[in-house]
Amino acid sequence: MPSITKGFNALCSRFCGSIPTLKRPSSWRRVVLAASAAVELLILLAALSKQAYGYVDPGAGLLAVQVGGSMVAGILFFARAQLRRLLRIRPVEHKQDETAERTGPPSR
């Protein structure tokens, strides 16, 4: 990648004159820029907001509860898998009865 950048800068300086190279902003400056962009976005959203008239039925609350429960269940499932991987615990394998396999299903 650096060789491509060098070649591009050399080509541009040859045809376009000297082009100043851009430096990456420091980390604190990036944080300040991101924070100011977020504040500007919030101000813009507040300035352009309209009053919304709508109807929310009782089922919408239950839908929110269902989504929240699903999220909690997913997080617990993911955490369990990561904890097993971290502790190197293998899932329990259930062994079937060997005699049932040999003889087949029980007769009536």
PDB file of N, CA and C in Angstrom:
ATOM      1  N   MET A   1       0.805  -1.200   0.000  1.00  0.00           N
ATOM      2  CA  MET A   1       0.000   0.000   0.000  1.00  0.00           C
ATOM      3  C   MET A   1       0.851   1.268   0.000  1.00  0.00           C
ATOM      4  N   PRO A   2       1.964   1.333   0.774  1.00  0.00           N
ATOM      5  CA  PRO A   2       2.764   2.550   0.766  1.00  0.00           C
ATOM      6  C   PRO A   2       3.365   2.847  -0.606  1.00  0.00           C
ATOM      7  N   SER A   3       3.720   1.812  -1.379  1.00  0.00           N
ATOM      8  CA  SER A   3       4.309   2.068  -2.688  1.00  0.00           C
ATOM      9  C   SER A   3       3.276   2.694  -3.628  1.00  0.00           C
ATOM     10  N   ILE A   4       2.021   2.306  -3.506  1.00  0.00           N
ATOM     11  CA  ILE A   4       0.973   2.898  -4.322  1.00  0.00           C
ATOM     12  C   ILE A   4       0.808   4.369  -3.957  1.00  0.00           C
ATOM     13  N   THR A   5       0.842   4.652  -2.658  1.00  0.00           N
ATOM     14  CA  THR A   5       0.706   6.025  -2.201  1.00  0.00           C
ATOM     15  C   THR A   5       1.885   6.874  -2.677  1.00  0.00           C
ATOM     16  N   LYS A   6       3.107   6.306  -2.595  1.00  0.00           N
ATOM     17  CA  LYS A   6       4.284   7.038  -3.074  1.00  0.00           C
ATOM     18  C   LYS A   6       4.158   7.342  -4.560  1.00  0.00           C
ATOM     19  N   GLY A   7       3.760   6.331  -5.320  1.00  0.00           N
ATOM     20  CA  GLY A   7       3.618   6.520  -6.763  1.00  0.00           C
ATOM     21  C   GLY A   7       2.562   7.548  -7.101  1.00  0.00           C
ATOM     22  N   PHE A   8       1.453   7.511  -6.389  1.00  0.00           N
ATOM     23  CA  PHE A   8       0.376   8.475  -6.632  1.00  0.00           C
ATOM     24  C   PHE A   8       0.829   9.883  -6.293  1.00  0.00           C
ATOM     25  N   ASN A   9       1.499  10.020  -5.141  1.00  0.00           N
ATOM     26  CA  ASN A   9       1.986  11.346  -4.749  1.00  0.00           C
ATOM     27  C   ASN A   9       3.020  11.865  -5.746  1.00  0.00           C
ATOM     28  N   ALA A  10       3.883  10.988  -6.236  1.00  0.00           N
ATOM     29  CA  ALA A  10       4.893  11.408  -7.213  1.00  0.00           C
ATOM     30  C   ALA A  10       4.223  11.839  -8.511  1.00  0.00           C
ATOM     31  N   LEU A  11       3.223  11.079  -8.958  1.00  0.00           N
ATOM     32  CA  LEU A  11       2.513  11.411 -10.183  1.00  0.00           C
ATOM     33  C   LEU A  11       1.776  12.741 -10.041  1.00  0.00           C
ATOM     34  N   CYS A  12       1.108  12.916  -8.909  1.00  0.00           N
ATOM     35  CA  CYS A  12       0.372  14.162  -8.686  1.00  0.00           C
ATOM     36  C   CYS A  12       1.318  15.348  -8.574  1.00  0.00           C
ATOM     37  N   SER A  13       2.454  15.168  -7.893  1.00  0.00           N
ATOM     38  CA  SER A  13       3.381  16.290  -7.746  1.00  0.00           C
ATOM     39  C   SER A  13       3.997  16.663  -9.082  1.00  0.00           C
ATOM     40  N   ARG A  14       4.125  15.693  -9.965  1.00  0.00           N
ATOM     41  CA  ARG A  14       4.699  15.973 -11.277  1.00  0.00           C
ATOM     42  C   ARG A  14       3.736  16.794 -12.131  1.00  0.00           C
ATOM     43  N   PHE A  15       2.436  16.420 -12.079  1.00  0.00           N
ATOM     44  CA  PHE A  15       1.458  17.083 -12.936  1.00  0.00           C
ATOM     45  C   PHE A  15       0.693  18.211 -12.256  1.00  0.00           C
ATOM     46  N   CYS A  16       0.518  18.114 -10.955  1.00  0.00           N
ATOM     47  CA  CYS A  16      -0.324  19.093 -10.254  1.00  0.00           C
ATOM     48  C   CYS A  16       0.477  20.043  -9.374  1.00  0.00           C
ATOM     49  N   GLY A  17       1.748  19.911  -9.313  1.00  0.00           N
ATOM     50  CA  GLY A  17       2.537  20.729  -8.405  1.00  0.00           C
ATOM     51  C   GLY A  17       2.668  20.012  -7.074  1.00  0.00           C
ATOM     52  N   SER A  18       3.123  20.696  -6.080  1.00  0.00           N
ATOM     53  CA  SER A  18       3.301  20.027  -4.787  1.00  0.00           C
ATOM     54  C   SER A  18       1.961  19.948  -4.067  1.00  0.00           C
ATOM     55  N   ILE A  19       1.682  18.776  -3.564  1.00  0.00           N
ATOM     56  CA  ILE A  19       0.439  18.539  -2.821  1.00  0.00           C
ATOM     57  C   ILE A  19       0.827  18.246  -1.382  1.00  0.00           C
ATOM     58  N   PRO A  20       0.295  18.986  -0.440  1.00  0.00           N
ATOM     59  CA  PRO A  20       0.649  18.703   0.955  1.00  0.00           C
ATOM     60  C   PRO A  20       0.062  17.361   1.382  1.00  0.00           C
ATOM     61  N   THR A  21       0.820  16.631   2.148  1.00  0.00           N
ATOM     62  CA  THR A  21       0.337  15.338   2.633  1.00  0.00           C
ATOM     63  C   THR A  21      -0.523  15.566   3.861  1.00  0.00           C
ATOM     64  N   LEU A  22      -1.552  14.765   3.985  1.00  0.00           N
ATOM     65  CA  LEU A  22      -2.465  14.879   5.119  1.00  0.00           C
ATOM     66  C   LEU A  22      -1.961  14.009   6.254  1.00  0.00           C
ATOM     67  N   LYS A  23      -2.017  14.542   7.445  1.00  0.00           N
ATOM     68  CA  LYS A  23      -1.635  13.774   8.623  1.00  0.00           C
ATOM     69  C   LYS A  23      -2.897  13.274   9.311  1.00  0.00           C
ATOM     70  N   ARG A  24      -2.789  12.114   9.945  1.00  0.00           N
ATOM     71  CA  ARG A  24      -3.927  11.609  10.716  1.00  0.00           C
ATOM     72  C   ARG A  24      -4.097  12.448  11.963  1.00  0.00           C
ATOM     73  N   PRO A  25      -5.333  12.794  12.304  1.00  0.00           N
ATOM     74  CA  PRO A  25      -5.532  13.571  13.526  1.00  0.00           C
ATOM     75  C   PRO A  25      -5.198  12.724  14.752  1.00  0.00           C
ATOM     76  N   SER A  26      -4.760  13.363  15.800  1.00  0.00           N
ATOM     77  CA  SER A  26      -4.426  12.631  17.015  1.00  0.00           C
ATOM     78  C   SER A  26      -5.704  12.088  17.653  1.00  0.00           C
ATOM     79  N   SER A  27      -5.524  11.184  18.597  1.00  0.00           N
ATOM     80  CA  SER A  27      -6.683  10.495  19.179  1.00  0.00           C
ATOM     81  C   SER A  27      -7.620  11.451  19.907  1.00  0.00           C
ATOM     82  N   TRP A  28      -7.084  12.433  20.634  1.00  0.00           N
ATOM     83  CA  TRP A  28      -7.970  13.349  21.359  1.00  0.00           C
ATOM     84  C   TRP A  28      -8.741  14.215  20.383  1.00  0.00           C
ATOM     85  N   ARG A  29      -8.106  14.535  19.273  1.00  0.00           N
ATOM     86  CA  ARG A  29      -8.799  15.363  18.293  1.00  0.00           C
ATOM     87  C   ARG A  29      -9.932  14.577  17.634  1.00  0.00           C
ATOM     88  N   ARG A  30      -9.705  13.288  17.394  1.00  0.00           N
ATOM     89  CA  ARG A  30     -10.772  12.450  16.835  1.00  0.00           C
ATOM     90  C   ARG A  30     -11.954  12.372  17.781  1.00  0.00           C
ATOM     91  N   VAL A  31     -11.681  12.271  19.068  1.00  0.00           N
ATOM     92  CA  VAL A  31     -12.757  12.208  20.063  1.00  0.00           C
ATOM     93  C   VAL A  31     -13.542  13.516  20.071  1.00  0.00           C
ATOM     94  N   VAL A  32     -12.836  14.635  20.013  1.00  0.00           N
ATOM     95  CA  VAL A  32     -13.509  15.940  19.998  1.00  0.00           C
ATOM     96  C   VAL A  32     -14.344  16.086  18.731  1.00  0.00           C
ATOM     97  N   LEU A  33     -13.807  15.668  17.595  1.00  0.00           N
ATOM     98  CA  LEU A  33     -14.564  15.757  16.348  1.00  0.00           C
ATOM     99  C   LEU A  33     -15.807  14.866  16.383  1.00  0.00           C
ATOM    100  N   ALA A  34     -15.676  13.658  16.902  1.00  0.00           N
ATOM    101  CA  ALA A  34     -16.828  12.761  16.989  1.00  0.00           C
ATOM    102  C   ALA A  34     -17.887  13.314  17.941  1.00  0.00           C
ATOM    103  N   ALA A  35     -17.442  13.875  19.065  1.00  0.00           N
ATOM    104  CA  ALA A  35     -18.393  14.441  20.029  1.00  0.00           C
ATOM    105  C   ALA A  35     -19.110  15.652  19.440  1.00  0.00           C
ATOM    106  N   SER A  36     -18.387  16.498  18.732  1.00  0.00           N
ATOM    107  CA  SER A  36     -19.042  17.662  18.142  1.00  0.00           C
ATOM    108  C   SER A  36     -20.002  17.253  17.028  1.00  0.00           C
ATOM    109  N   ALA A  37     -19.655  16.219  16.283  1.00  0.00           N
ATOM    110  CA  ALA A  37     -20.581  15.725  15.254  1.00  0.00           C
ATOM    111  C   ALA A  37     -21.850  15.173  15.890  1.00  0.00           C
ATOM    112  N   ALA A  38     -21.711  14.467  17.010  1.00  0.00           N
ATOM    113  CA  ALA A  38     -22.883  13.920  17.703  1.00  0.00           C
ATOM    114  C   ALA A  38     -23.771  15.042  18.234  1.00  0.00           C
ATOM    115  N   VAL A  39     -23.160  16.078  18.797  1.00  0.00           N
ATOM    116  CA  VAL A  39     -23.940  17.223  19.316  1.00  0.00           C
ATOM    117  C   VAL A  39     -24.659  17.928  18.171  1.00  0.00           C
ATOM    118  N   GLU A  40     -23.965  18.122  17.059  1.00  0.00           N
ATOM    119  CA  GLU A  40     -24.599  18.763  15.903  1.00  0.00           C
ATOM    120  C   GLU A  40     -25.776  17.936  15.396  1.00  0.00           C
ATOM    121  N   LEU A  41     -25.620  16.625  15.363  1.00  0.00           N
ATOM    122  CA  LEU A  41     -26.710  15.756  14.922  1.00  0.00           C
ATOM    123  C   LEU A  41     -27.905  15.853  15.864  1.00  0.00           C
ATOM    124  N   LEU A  42     -27.656  15.853  17.165  1.00  0.00           N
ATOM    125  CA  LEU A  42     -28.757  15.982  18.129  1.00  0.00           C
ATOM    126  C   LEU A  42     -29.474  17.319  17.990  1.00  0.00           C
ATOM    127  N   ILE A  43     -28.716  18.388  17.799  1.00  0.00           N
ATOM    128  CA  ILE A  43     -29.337  19.705  17.622  1.00  0.00           C
ATOM    129  C   ILE A  43     -30.177  19.727  16.346  1.00  0.00           C
ATOM    130  N   LEU A  44     -29.644  19.139  15.286  1.00  0.00           N
ATOM    131  CA  LEU A  44     -30.386  19.079  14.025  1.00  0.00           C
ATOM    132  C   LEU A  44     -31.668  18.266  14.171  1.00  0.00           C
ATOM    133  N   LEU A  45     -31.597  17.129  14.846  1.00  0.00           N
ATOM    134  CA  LEU A  45     -32.793  16.308  15.056  1.00  0.00           C
ATOM    135  C   LEU A  45     -33.819  17.035  15.916  1.00  0.00           C
ATOM    136  N   ALA A  46     -33.363  17.751  16.930  1.00  0.00           N
ATOM    137  CA  ALA A  46     -34.290  18.496  17.785  1.00  0.00           C
ATOM    138  C   ALA A  46     -34.937  19.650  17.026  1.00  0.00           C
ATOM    139  N   ALA A  47     -34.186  20.280  16.147  1.00  0.00           N
ATOM    140  CA  ALA A  47     -34.722  21.424  15.408  1.00  0.00           C
ATOM    141  C   ALA A  47     -35.736  20.996  14.354  1.00  0.00           C
ATOM    142  N   LEU A  48     -35.555  19.819  13.797  1.00  0.00           N
ATOM    143  CA  LEU A  48     -36.423  19.368  12.710  1.00  0.00           C
ATOM    144  C   LEU A  48     -37.518  18.398  13.159  1.00  0.00           C
ATOM    145  N   SER A  49     -37.696  18.246  14.456  1.00  0.00           N
ATOM    146  CA  SER A  49     -38.691  17.283  14.928  1.00  0.00           C
ATOM    147  C   SER A  49     -40.109  17.838  14.770  1.00  0.00           C
ATOM    148  N   LYS A  50     -41.030  16.933  14.477  1.00  0.00           N
ATOM    149  CA  LYS A  50     -42.446  17.277  14.379  1.00  0.00           C
ATOM    150  C   LYS A  50     -43.202  16.478  15.436  1.00  0.00           C
ATOM    151  N   GLN A  51     -44.349  16.972  15.777  1.00  0.00           N
ATOM    152  CA  GLN A  51     -45.164  16.241  16.712  1.00  0.00           C
ATOM    153  C   GLN A  51     -45.857  15.107  15.959  1.00  0.00           C
ATOM    154  N   ALA A  52     -45.757  13.907  16.493  1.00  0.00           N
ATOM    155  CA  ALA A  52     -46.335  12.750  15.821  1.00  0.00           C
ATOM    156  C   ALA A  52     -47.619  12.343  16.530  1.00  0.00           C
ATOM    157  N   TYR A  53     -48.653  12.139  15.755  1.00  0.00           N
ATOM    158  CA  TYR A  53     -49.917  11.664  16.291  1.00  0.00           C
ATOM    159  C   TYR A  53     -50.088  10.222  15.833  1.00  0.00           C
ATOM    160  N   GLY A  54     -50.137   9.333  16.768  1.00  0.00           N
ATOM    161  CA  GLY A  54     -50.265   7.930  16.407  1.00  0.00           C
ATOM    162  C   GLY A  54     -50.994   7.162  17.484  1.00  0.00           C
ATOM    163  N   TYR A  55     -51.355   5.955  17.144  1.00  0.00           N
ATOM    164  CA  TYR A  55     -52.061   5.090  18.073  1.00  0.00           C
ATOM    165  C   TYR A  55     -51.169   3.899  18.374  1.00  0.00           C
ATOM    166  N   VAL A  56     -51.010   3.603  19.633  1.00  0.00           N
ATOM    167  CA  VAL A  56     -50.242   2.441  20.053  1.00  0.00           C
ATOM    168  C   VAL A  56     -51.200   1.515  20.773  1.00  0.00           C
ATOM    169  N   ASP A  57     -51.385   0.329  20.225  1.00  0.00           N
ATOM    170  CA  ASP A  57     -52.311  -0.613  20.851  1.00  0.00           C
ATOM    171  C   ASP A  57     -51.613  -1.386  21.972  1.00  0.00           C
ATOM    172  N   PRO A  58     -52.381  -2.088  22.812  1.00  0.00           N
ATOM    173  CA  PRO A  58     -51.775  -2.801  23.943  1.00  0.00           C
ATOM    174  C   PRO A  58     -50.809  -3.911  23.514  1.00  0.00           C
ATOM    175  N   GLY A  59     -50.978  -4.448  22.319  1.00  0.00           N
ATOM    176  CA  GLY A  59     -50.082  -5.513  21.857  1.00  0.00           C
ATOM    177  C   GLY A  59     -48.664  -5.033  21.622  1.00  0.00           C
ATOM    178  N   ALA A  60     -48.481  -3.728  21.402  1.00  0.00           N
ATOM    179  CA  ALA A  60     -47.141  -3.198  21.167  1.00  0.00           C
ATOM    180  C   ALA A  60     -46.272  -3.340  22.414  1.00  0.00           C
ATOM    181  N   GLY A  61     -46.861  -3.172  23.576  1.00  0.00           N
ATOM    182  CA  GLY A  61     -46.105  -3.354  24.818  1.00  0.00           C
ATOM    183  C   GLY A  61     -45.668  -4.792  24.997  1.00  0.00           C
ATOM    184  N   LEU A  62     -46.558  -5.726  24.664  1.00  0.00           N
ATOM    185  CA  LEU A  62     -46.198  -7.140  24.766  1.00  0.00           C
ATOM    186  C   LEU A  62     -45.122  -7.505  23.753  1.00  0.00           C
ATOM    187  N   LEU A  63     -45.161  -6.884  22.595  1.00  0.00           N
ATOM    188  CA  LEU A  63     -44.122  -7.122  21.602  1.00  0.00           C
ATOM    189  C   LEU A  63     -42.770  -6.654  22.130  1.00  0.00           C
ATOM    190  N   ALA A  64     -42.759  -5.506  22.809  1.00  0.00           N
ATOM    191  CA  ALA A  64     -41.512  -5.005  23.395  1.00  0.00           C
ATOM    192  C   ALA A  64     -41.000  -5.966  24.468  1.00  0.00           C
ATOM    193  N   VAL A  65     -41.905  -6.523  25.276  1.00  0.00           N
ATOM    194  CA  VAL A  65     -41.506  -7.499  26.299  1.00  0.00           C
ATOM    195  C   VAL A  65     -40.937  -8.750  25.633  1.00  0.00           C
ATOM    196  N   GLN A  66     -41.551  -9.203  24.557  1.00  0.00           N
ATOM    197  CA  GLN A  66     -41.071 -10.381  23.849  1.00  0.00           C
ATOM    198  C   GLN A  66     -39.683 -10.138  23.247  1.00  0.00           C
ATOM    199  N   VAL A  67     -39.476  -8.980  22.660  1.00  0.00           N
ATOM    200  CA  VAL A  67     -38.160  -8.653  22.094  1.00  0.00           C
ATOM    201  C   VAL A  67     -37.114  -8.606  23.201  1.00  0.00           C
ATOM    202  N   GLY A  68     -37.445  -7.988  24.313  1.00  0.00           N
ATOM    203  CA  GLY A  68     -36.504  -7.928  25.434  1.00  0.00           C
ATOM    204  C   GLY A  68     -36.167  -9.299  25.977  1.00  0.00           C
ATOM    205  N   GLY A  69     -37.177 -10.156  26.114  1.00  0.00           N
ATOM    206  CA  GLY A  69     -36.935 -11.518  26.588  1.00  0.00           C
ATOM    207  C   GLY A  69     -36.080 -12.309  25.620  1.00  0.00           C
ATOM    208  N   SER A  70     -36.320 -12.131  24.336  1.00  0.00           N
ATOM    209  CA  SER A  70     -35.513 -12.823  23.337  1.00  0.00           C
ATOM    210  C   SER A  70     -34.064 -12.359  23.392  1.00  0.00           C
ATOM    211  N   MET A  71     -33.870 -11.074  23.598  1.00  0.00           N
ATOM    212  CA  MET A  71     -32.509 -10.556  23.701  1.00  0.00           C
ATOM    213  C   MET A  71     -31.793 -11.118  24.920  1.00  0.00           C
ATOM    214  N   VAL A  72     -32.479 -11.189  26.043  1.00  0.00           N
ATOM    215  CA  VAL A  72     -31.882 -11.742  27.262  1.00  0.00           C
ATOM    216  C   VAL A  72     -31.542 -13.214  27.062  1.00  0.00           C
ATOM    217  N   ALA A  73     -32.453 -13.974  26.443  1.00  0.00           N
ATOM    218  CA  ALA A  73     -32.184 -15.390  26.202  1.00  0.00           C
ATOM    219  C   ALA A  73     -30.995 -15.571  25.264  1.00  0.00           C
ATOM    220  N   GLY A  74     -30.903 -14.745  24.247  1.00  0.00           N
ATOM    221  CA  GLY A  74     -29.768 -14.827  23.329  1.00  0.00           C
ATOM    222  C   GLY A  74     -28.455 -14.501  24.012  1.00  0.00           C
ATOM    223  N   ILE A  75     -28.467 -13.485  24.859  1.00  0.00           N
ATOM    224  CA  ILE A  75     -27.252 -13.110  25.581  1.00  0.00           C
ATOM    225  C   ILE A  75     -26.823 -14.241  26.515  1.00  0.00           C
ATOM    226  N   LEU A  76     -27.785 -14.853  27.208  1.00  0.00           N
ATOM    227  CA  LEU A  76     -27.450 -15.960  28.103  1.00  0.00           C
ATOM    228  C   LEU A  76     -26.901 -17.156  27.333  1.00  0.00           C
ATOM    229  N   PHE A  77     -27.486 -17.471  26.189  1.00  0.00           N
ATOM    230  CA  PHE A  77     -27.013 -18.576  25.380  1.00  0.00           C
ATOM    231  C   PHE A  77     -25.590 -18.307  24.894  1.00  0.00           C
ATOM    232  N   PHE A  78     -25.331 -17.094  24.433  1.00  0.00           N
ATOM    233  CA  PHE A  78     -23.998 -16.728  23.958  1.00  0.00           C
ATOM    234  C   PHE A  78     -22.993 -16.779  25.101  1.00  0.00           C
ATOM    235  N   ALA A  79     -23.380 -16.245  26.265  1.00  0.00           N
ATOM    236  CA  ALA A  79     -22.475 -16.239  27.417  1.00  0.00           C
ATOM    237  C   ALA A  79     -22.159 -17.658  27.864  1.00  0.00           C
ATOM    238  N   ARG A  80     -23.155 -18.554  27.824  1.00  0.00           N
ATOM    239  CA  ARG A  80     -22.915 -19.941  28.208  1.00  0.00           C
ATOM    240  C   ARG A  80     -21.920 -20.600  27.264  1.00  0.00           C
ATOM    241  N   ALA A  81     -22.076 -20.355  25.968  1.00  0.00           N
ATOM    242  CA  ALA A  81     -21.156 -20.943  24.997  1.00  0.00           C
ATOM    243  C   ALA A  81     -19.744 -20.390  25.187  1.00  0.00           C
ATOM    244  N   GLN A  82     -19.625 -19.096  25.442  1.00  0.00           N
ATOM    245  CA  GLN A  82     -18.301 -18.509  25.638  1.00  0.00           C
ATOM    246  C   GLN A  82     -17.667 -18.993  26.931  1.00  0.00           C
ATOM    247  N   LEU A  83     -18.473 -19.165  27.974  1.00  0.00           N
ATOM    248  CA  LEU A  83     -17.947 -19.661  29.243  1.00  0.00           C
ATOM    249  C   LEU A  83     -17.471 -21.097  29.094  1.00  0.00           C
ATOM    250  N   ARG A  84     -18.222 -21.921  28.382  1.00  0.00           N
ATOM    251  CA  ARG A  84     -17.785 -23.302  28.138  1.00  0.00           C
ATOM    252  C   ARG A  84     -16.490 -23.322  27.335  1.00  0.00           C
ATOM    253  N   ARG A  85     -16.391 -22.450  26.337  1.00  0.00           N
ATOM    254  CA  ARG A  85     -15.176 -22.403  25.524  1.00  0.00           C
ATOM    255  C   ARG A  85     -13.998 -21.934  26.369  1.00  0.00           C
ATOM    256  N   LEU A  86     -14.232 -20.947  27.245  1.00  0.00           N
ATOM    257  CA  LEU A  86     -13.172 -20.429  28.092  1.00  0.00           C
ATOM    258  C   LEU A  86     -12.677 -21.483  29.073  1.00  0.00           C
ATOM    259  N   LEU A  87     -13.605 -22.225  29.655  1.00  0.00           N
ATOM    260  CA  LEU A  87     -13.243 -23.254  30.636  1.00  0.00           C
ATOM    261  C   LEU A  87     -12.966 -24.615  30.004  1.00  0.00           C
ATOM    262  N   ARG A  88     -13.122 -24.681  28.683  1.00  0.00           N
ATOM    263  CA  ARG A  88     -12.903 -25.920  27.916  1.00  0.00           C
ATOM    264  C   ARG A  88     -13.763 -27.069  28.434  1.00  0.00           C
ATOM    265  N   ILE A  89     -15.025 -26.760  28.655  1.00  0.00           N
ATOM    266  CA  ILE A  89     -15.990 -27.772  29.084  1.00  0.00           C
ATOM    267  C   ILE A  89     -16.739 -28.240  27.855  1.00  0.00           C
ATOM    268  N   ARG A  90     -16.789 -29.536  27.664  1.00  0.00           N
ATOM    269  CA  ARG A  90     -17.519 -30.075  26.519  1.00  0.00           C
ATOM    270  C   ARG A  90     -18.969 -30.327  26.907  1.00  0.00           C
ATOM    271  N   PRO A  91     -19.887 -30.190  25.939  1.00  0.00           N
ATOM    272  CA  PRO A  91     -21.290 -30.470  26.252  1.00  0.00           C
ATOM    273  C   PRO A  91     -21.484 -31.944  26.604  1.00  0.00           C
ATOM    274  N   VAL A  92     -22.443 -32.194  27.467  1.00  0.00           N
ATOM    275  CA  VAL A  92     -22.721 -33.558  27.908  1.00  0.00           C
ATOM    276  C   VAL A  92     -23.392 -34.320  26.770  1.00  0.00           C
ATOM    277  N   GLU A  93     -22.819 -35.473  26.451  1.00  0.00           N
ATOM    278  CA  GLU A  93     -23.408 -36.317  25.409  1.00  0.00           C
ATOM    279  C   GLU A  93     -24.257 -37.384  26.079  1.00  0.00           C
ATOM    280  N   HIS A  94     -25.501 -37.495  25.653  1.00  0.00           N
ATOM    281  CA  HIS A  94     -26.395 -38.489  26.217  1.00  0.00           C
ATOM    282  C   HIS A  94     -26.216 -39.791  25.457  1.00  0.00           C
ATOM    283  N   LYS A  95     -25.869 -40.858  26.196  1.00  0.00           N
ATOM    284  CA  LYS A  95     -25.690 -42.160  25.558  1.00  0.00           C
ATOM    285  C   LYS A  95     -27.019 -42.899  25.592  1.00  0.00           C
ATOM    286  N   GLN A  96     -27.344 -43.494  24.454  1.00  0.00           N
ATOM    287  CA  GLN A  96     -28.574 -44.276  24.396  1.00  0.00           C
ATOM    288  C   GLN A  96     -28.295 -45.660  24.958  1.00  0.00           C
ATOM    289  N   ASP A  97     -29.352 -46.281  25.399  1.00  0.00           N
ATOM    290  CA  ASP A  97     -29.228 -47.632  25.933  1.00  0.00           C
ATOM    291  C   ASP A  97     -28.839 -48.574  24.789  1.00  0.00           C
ATOM    292  N   GLU A  98     -27.733 -49.306  24.957  1.00  0.00           N
ATOM    293  CA  GLU A  98     -27.247 -50.170  23.892  1.00  0.00           C
ATOM    294  C   GLU A  98     -28.196 -51.337  23.628  1.00  0.00           C
ATOM    295  N   THR A  99     -28.888 -51.816  24.645  1.00  0.00           N
ATOM    296  CA  THR A  99     -29.797 -52.942  24.445  1.00  0.00           C
ATOM    297  C   THR A  99     -30.996 -52.533  23.603  1.00  0.00           C
ATOM    298  N   ALA A 100     -31.427 -51.255  23.727  1.00  0.00           N
ATOM    299  CA  ALA A 100     -32.568 -50.792  22.939  1.00  0.00           C
ATOM    300  C   ALA A 100     -32.192 -50.718  21.469  1.00  0.00           C
ATOM    301  N   GLU A 101     -30.943 -50.425  21.184  1.00  0.00           N
ATOM    302  CA  GLU A 101     -30.512 -50.362  19.800  1.00  0.00           C
ATOM    303  C   GLU A 101     -30.459 -51.751  19.162  1.00  0.00           C
ATOM    304  N   ARG A 102     -30.049 -52.737  19.939  1.00  0.00           N
ATOM    305  CA  ARG A 102     -29.915 -54.093  19.393  1.00  0.00           C
ATOM    306  C   ARG A 102     -31.270 -54.750  19.140  1.00  0.00           C
ATOM    307  N   THR A 103     -32.170 -54.568  20.066  1.00  0.00           N
ATOM    308  CA  THR A 103     -33.446 -55.287  19.978  1.00  0.00           C
ATOM    309  C   THR A 103     -34.488 -54.533  19.186  1.00  0.00           C
ATOM    310  N   GLY A 104     -34.315 -53.225  19.030  1.00  0.00           N
ATOM    311  CA  GLY A 104     -35.311 -52.441  18.320  1.00  0.00           C
ATOM    312  C   GLY A 104     -36.304 -51.834  19.276  1.00  0.00           C
ATOM    313  N   PRO A 105     -37.438 -51.333  18.741  1.00  0.00           N
ATOM    314  CA  PRO A 105     -38.427 -50.683  19.595  1.00  0.00           C
ATOM    315  C   PRO A 105     -39.127 -51.724  20.466  1.00  0.00           C
ATOM    316  N   PRO A 106     -39.632 -51.291  21.635  1.00  0.00           N
ATOM    317  CA  PRO A 106     -40.330 -52.239  22.522  1.00  0.00           C
ATOM    318  C   PRO A 106     -41.628 -52.732  21.862  1.00  0.00           C
ATOM    319  N   SER A 107     -41.914 -54.006  22.097  1.00  0.00           N
ATOM    320  CA  SER A 107     -43.143 -54.595  21.517  1.00  0.00           C
ATOM    321  C   SER A 107     -44.318 -54.345  22.429  1.00  0.00           C
ATOM    322  N   ARG A 108     -45.510 -54.358  21.820  1.00  0.00           N
ATOM    323  CA  ARG A 108     -46.721 -54.114  22.612  1.00  0.00           C
ATOM    324  C   ARG A 108     -47.475 -55.370  22.821  1.00  0.00           C
TER     325      ARG A 108
END
